[in-house]
C-alpha atoms as a PDB file:
ATOM      1  CA  MET A   1      16.723  -2.706  32.725  1.00  0.00           C
ATOM      2  CA  TRP A   2      19.997  -1.716  32.643  1.00  0.00           C
ATOM      3  CA  ARG A   3      21.779   1.299  33.185  1.00  0.00           C
ATOM      4  CA  GLN A   4      25.435   2.528  33.429  1.00  0.00           C
ATOM      5  CA  LYS A   5      26.951   5.708  35.108  1.00  0.00           C
ATOM      6  CA  SER A   6      30.042   7.282  36.068  1.00  0.00           C
ATOM      7  CA  ILE A   7      31.291   8.984  38.799  1.00  0.00           C
ATOM      8  CA  GLN A   8      33.798  10.410  40.408  1.00  0.00           C
ATOM      9  CA  LEU A   9      34.365   9.677  44.312  1.00  0.00           C
ATOM     10  CA  LYS A  10      36.624  12.334  46.298  1.00  0.00           C
ATOM     11  CA  ALA A  11      40.072  11.438  47.223  1.00  0.00           C
ATOM     12  CA  ARG A  12      41.191  10.074  49.823  1.00  0.00           C
ATOM     13  CA  ALA A  13      43.762   8.360  52.128  1.00  0.00           C
ATOM     14  CA  ARG A  14      45.396   4.944  51.726  1.00  0.00           C
ATOM     15  CA  GLY A  15      43.006   3.457  54.703  1.00  0.00           C
ATOM     16  CA  PHE A  16      39.402   2.137  54.719  1.00  0.00           C
ATOM     17  CA  HIS A  17      36.446   4.336  53.557  1.00  0.00           C
ATOM     18  CA  LEU A  18      33.107   4.476  54.399  1.00  0.00           C
ATOM     19  CA  ILE A  19      31.255   5.554  50.398  1.00  0.00           C
ATOM     20  CA  THR A  20      27.735   4.470  51.272  1.00  0.00           C
ATOM     21  CA  ASP A  21      26.591   7.910  51.167  1.00  0.00           C
ATOM     22  CA  GLU A  22      28.615   9.467  48.582  1.00  0.00           C
ATOM     23  CA  ILE A  23      27.845   6.456  46.342  1.00  0.00           C
ATOM     24  CA  GLU A  24      23.645   7.757  46.963  1.00  0.00           C
ATOM     25  CA  GLN A  25      24.160  11.164  46.748  1.00  0.00           C
ATOM     26  CA  GLN A  26      25.338  10.315  42.912  1.00  0.00           C
ATOM     27  CA  LEU A  27      23.068   8.040  42.087  1.00  0.00           C
ATOM     28  CA  PRO A  28      19.814   9.396  43.111  1.00  0.00           C
ATOM     29  CA  GLU A  29      18.199   7.027  40.666  1.00  0.00           C
ATOM     30  CA  ILE A  30      18.440   3.950  43.219  1.00  0.00           C
ATOM     31  CA  ALA A  31      16.422   5.195  45.487  1.00  0.00           C
ATOM     32  CA  SER A  32      13.181   4.093  42.967  1.00  0.00           C
ATOM     33  CA  PHE A  33      14.812   0.471  42.641  1.00  0.00           C
ATOM     34  CA  SER A  34      13.510  -1.758  45.360  1.00  0.00           C
ATOM     35  CA  VAL A  35      15.636  -4.932  43.400  1.00  0.00           C
ATOM     36  CA  GLY A  36      18.970  -4.938  41.376  1.00  0.00           C
ATOM     37  CA  ILE A  37      22.156  -5.353  41.529  1.00  0.00           C
ATOM     38  CA  LEU A  38      24.838  -2.746  41.447  1.00  0.00           C
ATOM     39  CA  GLN A  39      28.006  -2.894  40.116  1.00  0.00           C
ATOM     40  CA  LEU A  40      30.944  -0.623  41.368  1.00  0.00           C
ATOM     41  CA  PHE A  41      34.137  -0.811  38.953  1.00  0.00           C
ATOM     42  CA  ILE A  42      37.066   1.236  40.316  1.00  0.00           C
ATOM     43  CA  GLN A  43      39.223   2.460  37.881  1.00  0.00           C
ATOM     44  CA  HIS A  44      42.497   3.016  40.067  1.00  0.00           C
ATOM     45  CA  THR A  45      45.662   1.106  40.155  1.00  0.00           C
ATOM     46  CA  SER A  46      46.143   0.691  44.446  1.00  0.00           C
ATOM     47  CA  ALA A  47      42.205   0.888  45.608  1.00  0.00           C
ATOM     48  CA  SER A  48      39.358  -1.979  45.814  1.00  0.00           C
ATOM     49  CA  LEU A  49      36.006  -2.810  47.955  1.00  0.00           C
ATOM     50  CA  THR A  50      34.719  -4.450  50.840  1.00  0.00           C
ATOM     51  CA  ILE A  51      31.295  -4.541  51.855  1.00  0.00           C
ATOM     52  CA  ASN A  52      30.770  -4.670  55.222  1.00  0.00           C
ATOM     53  CA  GLU A  53      28.012  -4.351  57.533  1.00  0.00           C
ATOM     54  CA  ASN A  54      29.191  -1.283  59.552  1.00  0.00           C
ATOM     55  CA  ALA A  55      27.053  -2.628  62.351  1.00  0.00           C
ATOM     56  CA  ASP A  56      30.581  -2.222  64.419  1.00  0.00           C
ATOM     57  CA  PRO A  57      33.704   0.307  63.758  1.00  0.00           C
ATOM     58  CA  THR A  58      36.325  -1.314  65.076  1.00  0.00           C
ATOM     59  CA  VAL A  59      36.292  -3.877  62.109  1.00  0.00           C
ATOM     60  CA  ARG A  60      37.481  -1.272  59.539  1.00  0.00           C
ATOM     61  CA  HIS A  61      39.819  -0.262  62.416  1.00  0.00           C
ATOM     62  CA  ASP A  62      41.260  -4.008  62.169  1.00  0.00           C
ATOM     63  CA  MET A  63      40.746  -4.201  58.600  1.00  0.00           C
ATOM     64  CA  GLU A  64      43.437  -1.171  58.561  1.00  0.00           C
ATOM     65  CA  LYS A  65      45.819  -2.720  61.035  1.00  0.00           C
ATOM     66  CA  HIS A  66      46.247  -5.928  59.410  1.00  0.00           C
ATOM     67  CA  PHE A  67      46.804  -4.526  55.561  1.00  0.00           C
ATOM     68  CA  ASN A  68      49.285  -2.289  56.985  1.00  0.00           C
ATOM     69  CA  HIS A  69      50.992  -5.124  57.745  1.00  0.00           C
ATOM     70  CA  PHE A  70      50.637  -7.022  55.537  1.00  0.00           C
ATOM     71  CA  VAL A  71      50.546  -5.024  52.345  1.00  0.00           C
ATOM     72  CA  PRO A  72      53.384  -2.067  54.189  1.00  0.00           C
ATOM     73  CA  GLU A  73      53.489   1.712  52.165  1.00  0.00           C
ATOM     74  CA  ARG A  74      57.010   1.707  50.146  1.00  0.00           C
ATOM     75  CA  ALA A  75      57.622  -2.368  50.632  1.00  0.00           C
ATOM     76  CA  LYS A  76      61.531  -2.573  48.870  1.00  0.00           C
ATOM     77  CA  TYR A  77      60.123  -5.432  46.848  1.00  0.00           C
ATOM     78  CA  TYR A  78      57.026  -3.142  45.292  1.00  0.00           C
ATOM     79  CA  GLN A  79      57.066  -2.660  41.430  1.00  0.00           C
ATOM     80  CA  HIS A  80      54.478  -0.288  41.158  1.00  0.00           C
ATOM     81  CA  THR A  81      55.881   2.779  42.383  1.00  0.00           C
ATOM     82  CA  TYR A  82      55.770   5.688  39.618  1.00  0.00           C
ATOM     83  CA  GLU A  83      52.097   6.774  41.055  1.00  0.00           C
ATOM     84  CA  GLY A  84      53.818   8.166  44.457  1.00  0.00           C
ATOM     85  CA  ASP A  85      52.679   7.269  48.439  1.00  0.00           C
ATOM     86  CA  ASP A  86      48.669   7.807  48.490  1.00  0.00           C
ATOM     87  CA  VAL A  87      48.741  10.813  50.313  1.00  0.00           C
ATOM     88  CA  ARG A  88      46.289  12.536  52.269  1.00  0.00           C
ATOM     89  CA  VAL A  89      43.963  15.155  49.903  1.00  0.00           C
ATOM     90  CA  ILE A  90      41.332  17.323  52.541  1.00  0.00           C
END
């Protein structure tokens, strides 16, 4: 059996965020599956997914520090700039 559904996540600032709860809330039908594969596709040019066990919250902190160092905001060599900076939306 295959199912496809589009959902919308709330806007977030640049960074690493836990989204499991939000996905589970918008896809309550997955609770009825005991085995399966969930494929997520984010339709945003600068967003990506990482999979972590979330046993140690410092992992997200370390990953964010790494990305802020190696992929800084507003680097002069970026060509994709027409969307502007990621801004904090509350």
